[in-house]
C-alpha atoms as a PDB file:
ATOM      1  CA  UNK A   1       0.128  -0.147   0.102  1.00  0.00           C
ATOM      2  CA  UNK A   2       1.518   3.507  -1.076  1.00  0.00           C
ATOM      3  CA  UNK A   3       1.396   6.977   0.922  1.00  0.00           C
ATOM      4  CA  UNK A   4      -1.581   7.895  -1.186  1.00  0.00           C
ATOM      5  CA  UNK A   5      -3.821   4.819  -0.292  1.00  0.00           C
ATOM      6  CA  UNK A   6      -2.941   5.210   3.506  1.00  0.00           C
ATOM      7  CA  UNK A   7      -3.638   8.921   3.650  1.00  0.00           C
ATOM      8  CA  UNK A   8      -7.133   8.219   2.006  1.00  0.00           C
ATOM      9  CA  UNK A   9      -7.708   5.291   4.315  1.00  0.00           C
ATOM     10  CA  UNK A  10      -6.847   7.349   7.383  1.00  0.00           C
ATOM     11  CA  UNK A  11      -9.286  10.350   6.448  1.00  0.00           C
ATOM     12  CA  UNK A  12     -12.171   8.191   5.571  1.00  0.00           C
ATOM     13  CA  UNK A  13     -11.917   6.132   8.950  1.00  0.00           C
ATOM     14  CA  UNK A  14     -11.224   9.616  10.855  1.00  0.00           C
ATOM     15  CA  UNK A  15     -14.453  11.069   9.310  1.00  0.00           C
ATOM     16  CA  UNK A  16     -16.704   8.337  10.291  1.00  0.00           C
ATOM     17  CA  UNK A  17     -19.932   8.178   9.000  1.00  0.00           C
ATOM     18  CA  UNK A  18     -19.903  12.232   8.450  1.00  0.00           C
ATOM     19  CA  UNK A  19     -18.328  11.681   4.988  1.00  0.00           C
ATOM     20  CA  UNK A  20     -20.431  10.296   1.953  1.00  0.00           C
ATOM     21  CA  UNK A  21     -19.296   7.827  -0.309  1.00  0.00           C
ATOM     22  CA  UNK A  22     -19.152  10.036  -3.503  1.00  0.00           C
ATOM     23  CA  UNK A  23     -16.568  12.203  -1.266  1.00  0.00           C
ATOM     24  CA  UNK A  24     -14.652   9.364  -0.257  1.00  0.00           C
ATOM     25  CA  UNK A  25     -13.993   8.272  -3.842  1.00  0.00           C
ATOM     26  CA  UNK A  26     -12.970  11.814  -4.574  1.00  0.00           C
ATOM     27  CA  UNK A  27     -10.445  11.878  -1.938  1.00  0.00           C
ATOM     28  CA  UNK A  28      -8.910   8.349  -2.946  1.00  0.00           C
ATOM     29  CA  UNK A  29      -8.732   9.600  -6.583  1.00  0.00           C
ATOM     30  CA  UNK A  30      -6.838  12.814  -5.692  1.00  0.00           C
ATOM     31  CA  UNK A  31      -4.450  11.403  -3.435  1.00  0.00           C
ATOM     32  CA  UNK A  32      -3.638   8.462  -6.283  1.00  0.00           C
ATOM     33  CA  UNK A  33      -2.777  11.208  -8.571  1.00  0.00           C
ATOM     34  CA  UNK A  34      -0.593  13.309  -6.362  1.00  0.00           C
ATOM     35  CA  UNK A  35       1.054  10.147  -5.279  1.00  0.00           C
ATOM     36  CA  UNK A  36       1.629   8.909  -8.851  1.00  0.00           C
ATOM     37  CA  UNK A  37       2.977  12.332  -9.603  1.00  0.00           C
ATOM     38  CA  UNK A  38       5.375  12.477  -6.559  1.00  0.00           C
ATOM     39  CA  UNK A  39       6.492   9.137  -7.647  1.00  0.00           C
ATOM     40  CA  UNK A  40       7.280  10.100 -11.185  1.00  0.00           C
ATOM     41  CA  UNK A  41       9.151  13.061  -9.712  1.00  0.00           C
ATOM     42  CA  UNK A  42      11.535  10.855  -7.546  1.00  0.00           C
ATOM     43  CA  UNK A  43      12.113   8.404 -10.224  1.00  0.00           C
ATOM     44  CA  UNK A  44      12.817  10.785 -12.831  1.00  0.00           C
ATOM     45  CA  UNK A  45      16.632  10.607 -14.209  1.00  0.00           C
ATOM     46  CA  UNK A  46      18.778  13.519 -14.440  1.00  0.00           C
ATOM     47  CA  UNK A  47      18.973  15.232 -17.798  1.00  0.00           C
ATOM     48  CA  UNK A  48      21.815  14.043 -19.664  1.00  0.00           C
ATOM     49  CA  UNK A  49      23.828  16.635 -21.644  1.00  0.00           C
ATOM     50  CA  UNK A  50      24.382  15.834 -25.220  1.00  0.00           C
ATOM     51  CA  UNK A  51      27.995  16.932 -26.755  1.00  0.00           C
ATOM     52  CA  UNK A  52      27.654  17.748 -30.364  1.00  0.00           C
ATOM     53  CA  UNK A  53      31.359  17.965 -32.033  1.00  0.00           C
ATOM     54  CA  UNK A  54      31.755  20.936 -34.304  1.00  0.00           C
ATOM     55  CA  UNK A  55      31.360  20.293 -38.095  1.00  0.00           C
ATOM     56  CA  UNK A  56      34.593  20.825 -39.891  1.00  0.00           C
ATOM     57  CA  UNK A  57      34.250  23.331 -43.164  1.00  0.00           C
ATOM     58  CA  UNK A  58      35.563  21.947 -46.218  1.00  0.00           C
ATOM     59  CA  UNK A  59      36.708  24.045 -49.538  1.00  0.00           C
ATOM     60  CA  UNK A  60      34.189  23.325 -52.358  1.00  0.00           C
ATOM     61  CA  UNK A  61      35.263  21.152 -55.181  1.00  0.00           C
ATOM     62  CA  UNK A  62      33.459  22.836 -57.873  1.00  0.00           C
ATOM     63  CA  UNK A  63      33.718  25.924 -59.184  1.00  0.00           C
ATOM     64  CA  UNK A  64      32.602  28.225 -62.376  1.00  0.00           C
ATOM     65  CA  UNK A  65      35.301  30.457 -64.441  1.00  0.00           C
ATOM     66  CA  UNK A  66      34.229  34.213 -63.704  1.00  0.00           C
ATOM     67  CA  UNK A  67      34.441  36.513 -67.037  1.00  0.00           C
ATOM     68  CA  UNK A  68      34.113  40.177 -67.444  1.00  0.00           C
ATOM     69  CA  UNK A  69      32.835  41.218 -70.826  1.00  0.00           C
ATOM     70  CA  UNK A  70      32.286  44.631 -72.547  1.00  0.00           C
ATOM     71  CA  UNK A  71      29.355  45.546 -74.456  1.00  0.00           C
ATOM     72  CA  UNK A  72      31.080  48.259 -76.608  1.00  0.00           C
ATOM     73  CA  UNK A  73      28.763  50.641 -78.588  1.00  0.00           C
ATOM     74  CA  UNK A  74      28.635  53.289 -80.761  1.00  0.00           C
ATOM     75  CA  UNK A  75      25.327  55.675 -80.328  1.00  0.00           C
ATOM     76  CA  UNK A  76      22.907  56.731 -83.349  1.00  0.00           C
ATOM     77  CA  UNK A  77      24.714  59.713 -84.807  1.00  0.00           C
ATOM     78  CA  UNK A  78      21.562  60.665 -86.585  1.00  0.00           C
ATOM     79  CA  UNK A  79      17.585  60.957 -86.098  1.00  0.00           C
ATOM     80  CA  UNK A  80      15.690  57.825 -87.676  1.00  0.00           C
ATOM     81  CA  UNK A  81      13.932  58.196 -91.212  1.00  0.00           C
ATOM     82  CA  UNK A  82      10.122  59.064 -90.683  1.00  0.00           C
ATOM     83  CA  UNK A  83       7.411  56.712 -90.850  1.00  0.00           C
ATOM     84  CA  UNK A  84       5.215  57.736 -93.994  1.00  0.00           C
ATOM     85  CA  UNK A  85       2.263  58.592 -91.802  1.00  0.00           C
ATOM     86  CA  UNK A  86       4.344  60.778 -89.486  1.00  0.00           C
ATOM     87  CA  UNK A  87       5.594  62.630 -92.440  1.00  0.00           C
ATOM     88  CA  UNK A  88       1.857  63.289 -93.884  1.00  0.00           C
ATOM     89  CA  UNK A  89       0.839  64.163 -90.220  1.00  0.00           C
ATOM     90  CA  UNK A  90       3.872  66.922 -89.822  1.00  0.00           C
ATOM     91  CA  UNK A  91       3.060  68.235 -93.036  1.00  0.00           C
ATOM     92  CA  UNK A  92      -0.882  68.642 -92.181  1.00  0.00           C
ATOM     93  CA  UNK A  93       0.475  70.450 -89.309  1.00  0.00           C
ATOM     94  CA  UNK A  94       2.437  72.811 -91.480  1.00  0.00           C
ATOM     95  CA  UNK A  95      -0.813  73.744 -93.639  1.00  0.00           C
ATOM     96  CA  UNK A  96      -2.984  73.768 -90.451  1.00  0.00           C
ATOM     97  CA  UNK A  97      -0.552  76.523 -89.268  1.00  0.00           C
ATOM     98  CA  UNK A  98      -0.810  78.524 -92.530  1.00  0.00           C
ATOM     99  CA  UNK A  99      -4.571  78.866 -92.079  1.00  0.00           C
ATOM    100  CA  UNK A 100      -4.136  79.593 -88.414  1.00  0.00           C
ATOM    101  CA  UNK A 101      -1.128  82.202 -88.496  1.00  0.00           C
ATOM    102  CA  UNK A 102      -1.542  85.711 -89.412  1.00  0.00           C
ATOM    103  CA  UNK A 103      -1.074  86.550 -93.015  1.00  0.00           C
ATOM    104  CA  UNK A 104       2.659  87.298 -93.805  1.00  0.00           C
ATOM    105  CA  UNK A 105       3.173  91.107 -94.154  1.00  0.00           C
ATOM    106  CA  UNK A 106       6.114  91.482 -96.672  1.00  0.00           C
ATOM    107  CA  UNK A 107       6.335  94.983 -96.436  1.00  0.00           C
ATOM    108  CA  UNK A 108       7.950  94.442 -93.283  1.00  0.00           C
ATOM    109  CA  UNK A 109      10.709  92.880 -94.363  1.00  0.00           C
ATOM    110  CA  UNK A 110      10.989  94.045 -98.161  1.00  0.00           C
ATOM    111  CA  UNK A 111      11.074  97.586 -99.141  1.00  0.00           C
ATOM    112  CA  UNK A 112       8.536  98.530-102.336  1.00  0.00           C
ATOM    113  CA  UNK A 113      10.107  97.932-105.879  1.00  0.00           C
ATOM    114  CA  UNK A 114      13.541  96.244-104.708  1.00  0.00           C
ATOM    115  CA  UNK A 115      14.703  93.203-105.954  1.00  0.00           C
ATOM    116  CA  UNK A 116      13.999  91.485-102.944  1.00  0.00           C
ATOM    117  CA  UNK A 117      10.190  92.551-103.210  1.00  0.00           C
ATOM    118  CA  UNK A 118      10.052  91.472-106.714  1.00  0.00           C
ATOM    119  CA  UNK A 119      11.442  87.971-106.241  1.00  0.00           C
ATOM    120  CA  UNK A 120       9.249  87.555-103.303  1.00  0.00           C
ATOM    121  CA  UNK A 121       6.121  88.493-105.424  1.00  0.00           C
ATOM    122  CA  UNK A 122       7.492  86.134-107.990  1.00  0.00           C
ATOM    123  CA  UNK A 123       7.542  83.075-105.961  1.00  0.00           C
ATOM    124  CA  UNK A 124       4.397  83.782-104.052  1.00  0.00           C
ATOM    125  CA  UNK A 125       2.387  83.577-107.332  1.00  0.00           C
ATOM    126  CA  UNK A 126       4.070  80.279-108.037  1.00  0.00           C
ATOM    127  CA  UNK A 127       3.411  78.550-104.799  1.00  0.00           C
ATOM    128  CA  UNK A 128       0.654  80.706-103.250  1.00  0.00           C
ATOM    129  CA  UNK A 129       2.099  80.547 -99.815  1.00  0.00           C
ATOM    130  CA  UNK A 130       4.799  81.739 -97.628  1.00  0.00           C
ATOM    131  CA  UNK A 131       5.991  78.314 -96.550  1.00  0.00           C
ATOM    132  CA  UNK A 132       8.703  76.866 -99.370  1.00  0.00           C
ATOM    133  CA  UNK A 133       8.162  73.281 -98.125  1.00  0.00           C
ATOM    134  CA  UNK A 134       4.140  72.354 -98.186  1.00  0.00           C
ATOM    135  CA  UNK A 135       3.526  72.351-102.014  1.00  0.00           C
ATOM    136  CA  UNK A 136       0.718  74.557-103.440  1.00  0.00           C
ATOM    137  CA  UNK A 137      -1.648  75.432-100.979  1.00  0.00           C
ATOM    138  CA  UNK A 138      -3.636  78.776-100.396  1.00  0.00           C
ATOM    139  CA  UNK A 139      -4.809  79.051 -96.753  1.00  0.00           C
ATOM    140  CA  UNK A 140      -7.193  82.097 -97.691  1.00  0.00           C
ATOM    141  CA  UNK A 141      -9.347  80.963-100.647  1.00  0.00           C
ATOM    142  CA  UNK A 142     -12.191  78.578-100.925  1.00  0.00           C
ATOM    143  CA  UNK A 143     -10.347  75.264-100.897  1.00  0.00           C
ATOM    144  CA  UNK A 144      -8.208  76.197 -97.822  1.00  0.00           C
ATOM    145  CA  UNK A 145     -10.018  73.113 -96.006  1.00  0.00           C
ATOM    146  CA  UNK A 146      -8.281  70.940 -98.513  1.00  0.00           C
ATOM    147  CA  UNK A 147      -5.203  70.749 -96.459  1.00  0.00           C
ATOM    148  CA  UNK A 148      -4.731  66.988 -96.098  1.00  0.00           C
ATOM    149  CA  UNK A 149      -2.469  65.209 -97.878  1.00  0.00           C
ATOM    150  CA  UNK A 150      -3.301  62.174-100.116  1.00  0.00           C
ATOM    151  CA  UNK A 151      -1.826  58.651 -99.820  1.00  0.00           C
ATOM    152  CA  UNK A 152       1.584  58.608-102.081  1.00  0.00           C
ATOM    153  CA  UNK A 153       1.875  62.355-102.138  1.00  0.00           C
ATOM    154  CA  UNK A 154       5.180  63.534-102.806  1.00  0.00           C
ATOM    155  CA  UNK A 155       4.704  66.790-101.066  1.00  0.00           C
ATOM    156  CA  UNK A 156       5.206  64.657 -97.768  1.00  0.00           C
ATOM    157  CA  UNK A 157       8.421  63.073 -98.621  1.00  0.00           C
ATOM    158  CA  UNK A 158      11.481  64.405 -96.736  1.00  0.00           C
ATOM    159  CA  UNK A 159      13.809  64.357 -99.898  1.00  0.00           C
ATOM    160  CA  UNK A 160      11.174  66.299-102.080  1.00  0.00           C
ATOM    161  CA  UNK A 161      10.791  68.961 -99.165  1.00  0.00           C
ATOM    162  CA  UNK A 162      14.659  69.321 -99.068  1.00  0.00           C
ATOM    163  CA  UNK A 163      14.793  69.533-102.957  1.00  0.00           C
ATOM    164  CA  UNK A 164      12.028  72.424-102.819  1.00  0.00           C
ATOM    165  CA  UNK A 165      13.899  74.398-100.173  1.00  0.00           C
ATOM    166  CA  UNK A 166      16.963  74.112-102.074  1.00  0.00           C
ATOM    167  CA  UNK A 167      15.514  75.070-105.401  1.00  0.00           C
ATOM    168  CA  UNK A 168      13.687  78.076-103.858  1.00  0.00           C
ATOM    169  CA  UNK A 169      17.126  79.295-102.428  1.00  0.00           C
ATOM    170  CA  UNK A 170      18.943  79.037-105.788  1.00  0.00           C
ATOM    171  CA  UNK A 171      16.200  80.352-107.902  1.00  0.00           C
ATOM    172  CA  UNK A 172      15.059  84.131-108.307  1.00  0.00           C
ATOM    173  CA  UNK A 173      11.482  83.090-109.161  1.00  0.00           C
ATOM    174  CA  UNK A 174      11.596  83.763-112.871  1.00  0.00           C
ATOM    175  CA  UNK A 175      10.133  81.474-115.592  1.00  0.00           C
ATOM    176  CA  UNK A 176      12.565  80.261-118.400  1.00  0.00           C
ATOM    177  CA  UNK A 177      13.282  82.903-121.064  1.00  0.00           C
ATOM    178  CA  UNK A 178      11.816  85.881-118.673  1.00  0.00           C
ATOM    179  CA  UNK A 179      13.755  88.940-119.247  1.00  0.00           C
ATOM    180  CA  UNK A 180      15.317  90.780-116.119  1.00  0.00           C
ATOM    181  CA  UNK A 181      13.862  93.797-115.073  1.00  0.00           C
ATOM    182  CA  UNK A 182      15.343  96.779-116.516  1.00  0.00           C
ATOM    183  CA  UNK A 183      16.957  99.344-114.278  1.00  0.00           C
ATOM    184  CA  UNK A 184      17.394  96.826-111.535  1.00  0.00           C
ATOM    185  CA  UNK A 185      20.903  95.743-109.984  1.00  0.00           C
ATOM    186  CA  UNK A 186      21.571  92.505-110.883  1.00  0.00           C
ATOM    187  CA  UNK A 187      21.771  90.659-107.505  1.00  0.00           C
ATOM    188  CA  UNK A 188      24.385  87.703-106.762  1.00  0.00           C
ATOM    189  CA  UNK A 189      22.913  84.857-104.955  1.00  0.00           C
ATOM    190  CA  UNK A 190      24.668  82.787-102.980  1.00  0.00           C
ATOM    191  CA  UNK A 191      25.896  79.107-103.696  1.00  0.00           C
ATOM    192  CA  UNK A 192      23.910  76.592-101.360  1.00  0.00           C
ATOM    193  CA  UNK A 193      25.729  73.304-100.887  1.00  0.00           C
ATOM    194  CA  UNK A 194      23.212  70.238-100.567  1.00  0.00           C
ATOM    195  CA  UNK A 195      22.759  68.356 -97.256  1.00  0.00           C
ATOM    196  CA  UNK A 196      25.028  65.390 -96.869  1.00  0.00           C
ATOM    197  CA  UNK A 197      23.312  62.341 -97.540  1.00  0.00           C
ATOM    198  CA  UNK A 198      22.307  60.224 -94.803  1.00  0.00           C
ATOM    199  CA  UNK A 199      23.409  56.962 -96.536  1.00  0.00           C
ATOM    200  CA  UNK A 200      27.128  56.857 -96.860  1.00  0.00           C
ATOM    201  CA  UNK A 201      29.910  55.246 -98.833  1.00  0.00           C
ATOM    202  CA  UNK A 202      30.149  52.630 -95.841  1.00  0.00           C
ATOM    203  CA  UNK A 203      26.655  51.804 -96.336  1.00  0.00           C
ATOM    204  CA  UNK A 204      26.913  51.219 -99.874  1.00  0.00           C
ATOM    205  CA  UNK A 205      29.929  48.940 -99.552  1.00  0.00           C
ATOM    206  CA  UNK A 206      28.469  47.367 -96.585  1.00  0.00           C
ATOM    207  CA  UNK A 207      31.636  48.120 -94.863  1.00  0.00           C
ATOM    208  CA  UNK A 208      31.023  46.508 -91.343  1.00  0.00           C
ATOM    209  CA  UNK A 209      34.585  47.634 -89.947  1.00  0.00           C
ATOM    210  CA  UNK A 210      33.474  51.107 -90.318  1.00  0.00           C
ATOM    211  CA  UNK A 211      31.859  53.532 -87.537  1.00  0.00           C
ATOM    212  CA  UNK A 212      30.691  55.591 -90.782  1.00  0.00           C
ATOM    213  CA  UNK A 213      27.789  53.233 -91.279  1.00  0.00           C
ATOM    214  CA  UNK A 214      24.105  52.853 -90.038  1.00  0.00           C
ATOM    215  CA  UNK A 215      24.029  56.389 -88.738  1.00  0.00           C
ATOM    216  CA  UNK A 216      20.507  55.874 -87.535  1.00  0.00           C
ATOM    217  CA  UNK A 217      21.128  52.960 -85.492  1.00  0.00           C
ATOM    218  CA  UNK A 218      23.210  51.803 -82.663  1.00  0.00           C
ATOM    219  CA  UNK A 219      26.495  49.939 -83.532  1.00  0.00           C
ATOM    220  CA  UNK A 220      28.117  47.009 -81.296  1.00  0.00           C
ATOM    221  CA  UNK A 221      31.658  45.755 -81.046  1.00  0.00           C
ATOM    222  CA  UNK A 222      31.829  41.838 -82.068  1.00  0.00           C
ATOM    223  CA  UNK A 223      35.008  40.065 -81.939  1.00  0.00           C
ATOM    224  CA  UNK A 224      36.121  36.718 -83.256  1.00  0.00           C
ATOM    225  CA  UNK A 225      38.095  34.490 -80.367  1.00  0.00           C
ATOM    226  CA  UNK A 226      40.933  32.062 -80.620  1.00  0.00           C
ATOM    227  CA  UNK A 227      38.073  29.395 -81.403  1.00  0.00           C
ATOM    228  CA  UNK A 228      36.543  31.235 -84.313  1.00  0.00           C
ATOM    229  CA  UNK A 229      33.387  32.346 -82.518  1.00  0.00           C
ATOM    230  CA  UNK A 230      31.754  35.776 -82.377  1.00  0.00           C
ATOM    231  CA  UNK A 231      31.288  37.259 -79.223  1.00  0.00           C
ATOM    232  CA  UNK A 232      31.635  40.672 -77.084  1.00  0.00           C
ATOM    233  CA  UNK A 233      35.507  41.285 -76.173  1.00  0.00           C
ATOM    234  CA  UNK A 234      36.059  39.124 -72.680  1.00  0.00           C
ATOM    235  CA  UNK A 235      38.534  37.834 -70.502  1.00  0.00           C
ATOM    236  CA  UNK A 236      38.869  35.903 -67.239  1.00  0.00           C
ATOM    237  CA  UNK A 237      39.159  37.709 -63.966  1.00  0.00           C
ATOM    238  CA  UNK A 238      42.606  38.011 -62.566  1.00  0.00           C
ATOM    239  CA  UNK A 239      42.523  39.101 -58.914  1.00  0.00           C
ATOM    240  CA  UNK A 240      40.438  42.415 -59.762  1.00  0.00           C
ATOM    241  CA  UNK A 241      36.809  43.575 -60.019  1.00  0.00           C
ATOM    242  CA  UNK A 242      34.584  43.665 -62.843  1.00  0.00           C
ATOM    243  CA  UNK A 243      34.915  47.200 -63.558  1.00  0.00           C
ATOM    244  CA  UNK A 244      38.796  47.076 -63.676  1.00  0.00           C
ATOM    245  CA  UNK A 245      38.681  43.915 -65.708  1.00  0.00           C
ATOM    246  CA  UNK A 246      36.485  45.666 -68.424  1.00  0.00           C
ATOM    247  CA  UNK A 247      38.810  48.419 -68.492  1.00  0.00           C
ATOM    248  CA  UNK A 248      41.832  46.267 -69.162  1.00  0.00           C
ATOM    249  CA  UNK A 249      39.607  44.267 -71.646  1.00  0.00           C
ATOM    250  CA  UNK A 250      39.340  47.432 -73.559  1.00  0.00           C
ATOM    251  CA  UNK A 251      42.679  48.458 -73.779  1.00  0.00           C
ATOM    252  CA  UNK A 252      44.148  44.800 -74.568  1.00  0.00           C
ATOM    253  CA  UNK A 253      41.658  44.089 -77.389  1.00  0.00           C
ATOM    254  CA  UNK A 254      40.865  47.585 -79.038  1.00  0.00           C
ATOM    255  CA  UNK A 255      44.470  49.008 -78.676  1.00  0.00           C
ATOM    256  CA  UNK A 256      45.667  52.550 -77.095  1.00  0.00           C
ATOM    257  CA  UNK A 257      44.039  54.428 -79.969  1.00  0.00           C
ATOM    258  CA  UNK A 258      40.409  54.003 -78.746  1.00  0.00           C
ATOM    259  CA  UNK A 259      38.707  56.443 -76.523  1.00  0.00           C
ATOM    260  CA  UNK A 260      36.005  54.700 -74.531  1.00  0.00           C
ATOM    261  CA  UNK A 261      33.855  55.232 -71.454  1.00  0.00           C
ATOM    262  CA  UNK A 262      32.668  52.562 -69.164  1.00  0.00           C
ATOM    263  CA  UNK A 263      28.968  53.684 -68.348  1.00  0.00           C
ATOM    264  CA  UNK A 264      28.418  51.897 -64.838  1.00  0.00           C
ATOM    265  CA  UNK A 265      30.142  49.641 -62.458  1.00  0.00           C
ATOM    266  CA  UNK A 266      27.197  47.085 -62.147  1.00  0.00           C
ATOM    267  CA  UNK A 267      26.895  44.190 -64.985  1.00  0.00           C
ATOM    268  CA  UNK A 268      23.879  44.794 -67.454  1.00  0.00           C
ATOM    269  CA  UNK A 269      23.555  41.171 -67.705  1.00  0.00           C
ATOM    270  CA  UNK A 270      25.128  37.789 -67.736  1.00  0.00           C
ATOM    271  CA  UNK A 271      25.872  34.110 -69.610  1.00  0.00           C
ATOM    272  CA  UNK A 272      26.232  31.136 -68.373  1.00  0.00           C
ATOM    273  CA  UNK A 273      28.081  28.360 -70.496  1.00  0.00           C
ATOM    274  CA  UNK A 274      28.421  24.716 -69.355  1.00  0.00           C
ATOM    275  CA  UNK A 275      31.473  22.753 -70.606  1.00  0.00           C
ATOM    276  CA  UNK A 276      30.875  19.646 -72.345  1.00  0.00           C
ATOM    277  CA  UNK A 277      33.227  17.940 -69.773  1.00  0.00           C
ATOM    278  CA  UNK A 278      34.414  19.258 -66.570  1.00  0.00           C
ATOM    279  CA  UNK A 279      37.881  20.501 -66.452  1.00  0.00           C
ATOM    280  CA  UNK A 280      40.298  19.925 -63.494  1.00  0.00           C
ATOM    281  CA  UNK A 281      42.240  22.958 -62.413  1.00  0.00           C
ATOM    282  CA  UNK A 282      45.793  22.705 -60.627  1.00  0.00           C
ATOM    283  CA  UNK A 283      44.338  24.264 -57.337  1.00  0.00           C
ATOM    284  CA  UNK A 284      42.311  20.757 -57.134  1.00  0.00           C
ATOM    285  CA  UNK A 285      38.807  22.158 -58.268  1.00  0.00           C
ATOM    286  CA  UNK A 286      36.431  20.721 -60.805  1.00  0.00           C
ATOM    287  CA  UNK A 287      35.427  23.543 -63.300  1.00  0.00           C
ATOM    288  CA  UNK A 288      32.002  22.747 -64.824  1.00  0.00           C
ATOM    289  CA  UNK A 289      31.543  26.112 -66.870  1.00  0.00           C
ATOM    290  CA  UNK A 290      31.958  29.647 -67.209  1.00  0.00           C
ATOM    291  CA  UNK A 291      29.753  32.778 -66.017  1.00  0.00           C
ATOM    292  CA  UNK A 292      30.276  36.072 -67.959  1.00  0.00           C
ATOM    293  CA  UNK A 293      29.030  39.324 -66.780  1.00  0.00           C
ATOM    294  CA  UNK A 294      28.552  42.092 -69.302  1.00  0.00           C
ATOM    295  CA  UNK A 295      29.529  45.619 -68.686  1.00  0.00           C
ATOM    296  CA  UNK A 296      28.286  48.746 -70.764  1.00  0.00           C
ATOM    297  CA  UNK A 297      30.710  51.306 -72.743  1.00  0.00           C
ATOM    298  CA  UNK A 298      30.527  53.744 -75.171  1.00  0.00           C
ATOM    299  CA  UNK A 299      33.156  54.530 -77.758  1.00  0.00           C
ATOM    300  CA  UNK A 300      33.846  58.355 -78.050  1.00  0.00           C
ATOM    301  CA  UNK A 301      36.870  58.416 -80.565  1.00  0.00           C
ATOM    302  CA  UNK A 302      38.957  56.421 -82.506  1.00  0.00           C
ATOM    303  CA  UNK A 303      38.988  52.832 -84.184  1.00  0.00           C
ATOM    304  CA  UNK A 304      39.569  49.509 -83.016  1.00  0.00           C
ATOM    305  CA  UNK A 305      43.248  47.923 -83.810  1.00  0.00           C
ATOM    306  CA  UNK A 306      43.790  44.388 -83.289  1.00  0.00           C
ATOM    307  CA  UNK A 307      47.455  44.423 -83.813  1.00  0.00           C
ATOM    308  CA  UNK A 308      49.260  43.042 -81.107  1.00  0.00           C
ATOM    309  CA  UNK A 309      46.331  42.532 -79.070  1.00  0.00           C
ATOM    310  CA  UNK A 310      46.839  40.321 -75.836  1.00  0.00           C
ATOM    311  CA  UNK A 311      43.419  38.369 -75.990  1.00  0.00           C
ATOM    312  CA  UNK A 312      44.186  36.411 -79.186  1.00  0.00           C
ATOM    313  CA  UNK A 313      41.559  37.985 -81.456  1.00  0.00           C
ATOM    314  CA  UNK A 314      41.418  37.435 -85.136  1.00  0.00           C
ATOM    315  CA  UNK A 315      38.726  39.864 -86.389  1.00  0.00           C
ATOM    316  CA  UNK A 316      36.097  42.612 -85.694  1.00  0.00           C
ATOM    317  CA  UNK A 317      32.715  43.848 -86.641  1.00  0.00           C
ATOM    318  CA  UNK A 318      30.724  46.866 -85.706  1.00  0.00           C
ATOM    319  CA  UNK A 319      26.771  45.374 -86.164  1.00  0.00           C
ATOM    320  CA  UNK A 320      23.341  46.349 -85.250  1.00  0.00           C
ATOM    321  CA  UNK A 321      21.195  44.366 -83.227  1.00  0.00           C
ATOM    322  CA  UNK A 322      19.548  42.300 -85.826  1.00  0.00           C
ATOM    323  CA  UNK A 323      22.963  41.785 -87.811  1.00  0.00           C
ATOM    324  CA  UNK A 324      24.481  40.774 -84.567  1.00  0.00           C
ATOM    325  CA  UNK A 325      21.842  37.746 -83.944  1.00  0.00           C
ATOM    326  CA  UNK A 326      23.082  36.179 -87.410  1.00  0.00           C
ATOM    327  CA  UNK A 327      26.809  36.358 -86.298  1.00  0.00           C
ATOM    328  CA  UNK A 328      26.542  34.652 -82.521  1.00  0.00           C
ATOM    329  CA  UNK A 329      25.308  31.305 -81.394  1.00  0.00           C
ATOM    330  CA  UNK A 330      21.541  31.129 -80.100  1.00  0.00           C
ATOM    331  CA  UNK A 331      22.299  30.492 -76.486  1.00  0.00           C
ATOM    332  CA  UNK A 332      24.643  33.191 -76.629  1.00  0.00           C
ATOM    333  CA  UNK A 333      22.011  35.585 -78.320  1.00  0.00           C
ATOM    334  CA  UNK A 334      19.264  34.567 -75.758  1.00  0.00           C
ATOM    335  CA  UNK A 335      21.289  35.883 -73.210  1.00  0.00           C
ATOM    336  CA  UNK A 336      22.200  39.331 -74.656  1.00  0.00           C
ATOM    337  CA  UNK A 337      19.481  40.377 -76.918  1.00  0.00           C
ATOM    338  CA  UNK A 338      17.636  41.979 -74.123  1.00  0.00           C
ATOM    339  CA  UNK A 339      20.516  44.201 -73.650  1.00  0.00           C
ATOM    340  CA  UNK A 340      20.805  45.543 -76.813  1.00  0.00           C
ATOM    341  CA  UNK A 341      18.909  48.660 -78.205  1.00  0.00           C
ATOM    342  CA  UNK A 342      16.491  48.581 -80.866  1.00  0.00           C
ATOM    343  CA  UNK A 343      17.700  51.448 -82.787  1.00  0.00           C
END
C-alpha cells in the first residue's frame, strides 16, 4: 500500500459516518494522482547533456570560371527616318499653321520695288504660300479646307521638301526665258551646298568595320575569339573587380588609340556556359563551366586595332542588333538580346 492510499484510508476512518461515499471516492482518486506524480518526480533521471562535435568546413570541390565582357557601342548619330504616316501628319500640321497664322506682311521685310520685293512676289505667285516646303496651298481661298495630303503624295516626302527648299534658295522666281527687270541691279546669289546624304559610302559597300555606317542605328563591337566564335570582348578575372577587368579588356583588345567610357560599375546581364566535359584545375577544383558578366561602354573616338592584341582576337565587326543575331550562337543570343537597343 502506497502513501496515497494510506492517507485516504486514514481520512476516511477519521471522518466516520460524516462523509459520503462519493466524497470518499473523490479523495481517493486525488490522493492517487498526487502520489503518482510524486513517485514519477522521484524516479525521473537527471537530464543528460549531449555533446555535438563541431562540423569542420571543407572547401568546395567544384567551381565556375568568372569572366568580364564589354558591350562596346556607338550610339546613333542621326535621327531615324520618319514613317510615311508621320511625314503626312507633320505636313498637315504645317498647312494647318498656314491657316491659323496671321497673313505674312511682306512690307515689314521688303521695301517696295526692290529686287527682293519683286522676287518675293514672283515666288508667291508660283507657290501661293509663304512656306516653301508644303507644296501649292492657299490658306485664304475657298479651297483652304483641303489641307490634307493624299496617300502617296510627294509633298510629304522628306527628300522632296529638301529639294524644294534648295530650289527656292537658288532661284529668283523667274520663269525660263523671262527677261530681267530693266534698271534693277543684278543680285548675286549665294551658292548653297546640298546637305550630306544620310546614306554613306560605307553603307553602299556594307563595310562592317567602319563606324561611318548605319548612322541611325546603334552599332556594337563584335570580335572573333581564338576558337573562331563571334562574341563581345571578354577575359577571365585576374584578382580584380569587374570594372577593372572591363577597362583592361578594352585596352588589350581595342588598342591604345581608342577612346572609350565605361558607363557603370554594375553588370547589365550575364551568360552561363556549361562545358561539355568538366575541367580539373591545378588547384584541385573541378570547373564545370563559365559565367560571363557584361558591362556597358561607349566609344567616343578612335577605331579598334587588333594588331598585337593580348586576347588572341582574329577579327572584329561593328553590327546592329539584327545583324549581330546572325553571327553569334543561339544560347549566347538569348542571353544578350535584351541588353541591346532596338535602334
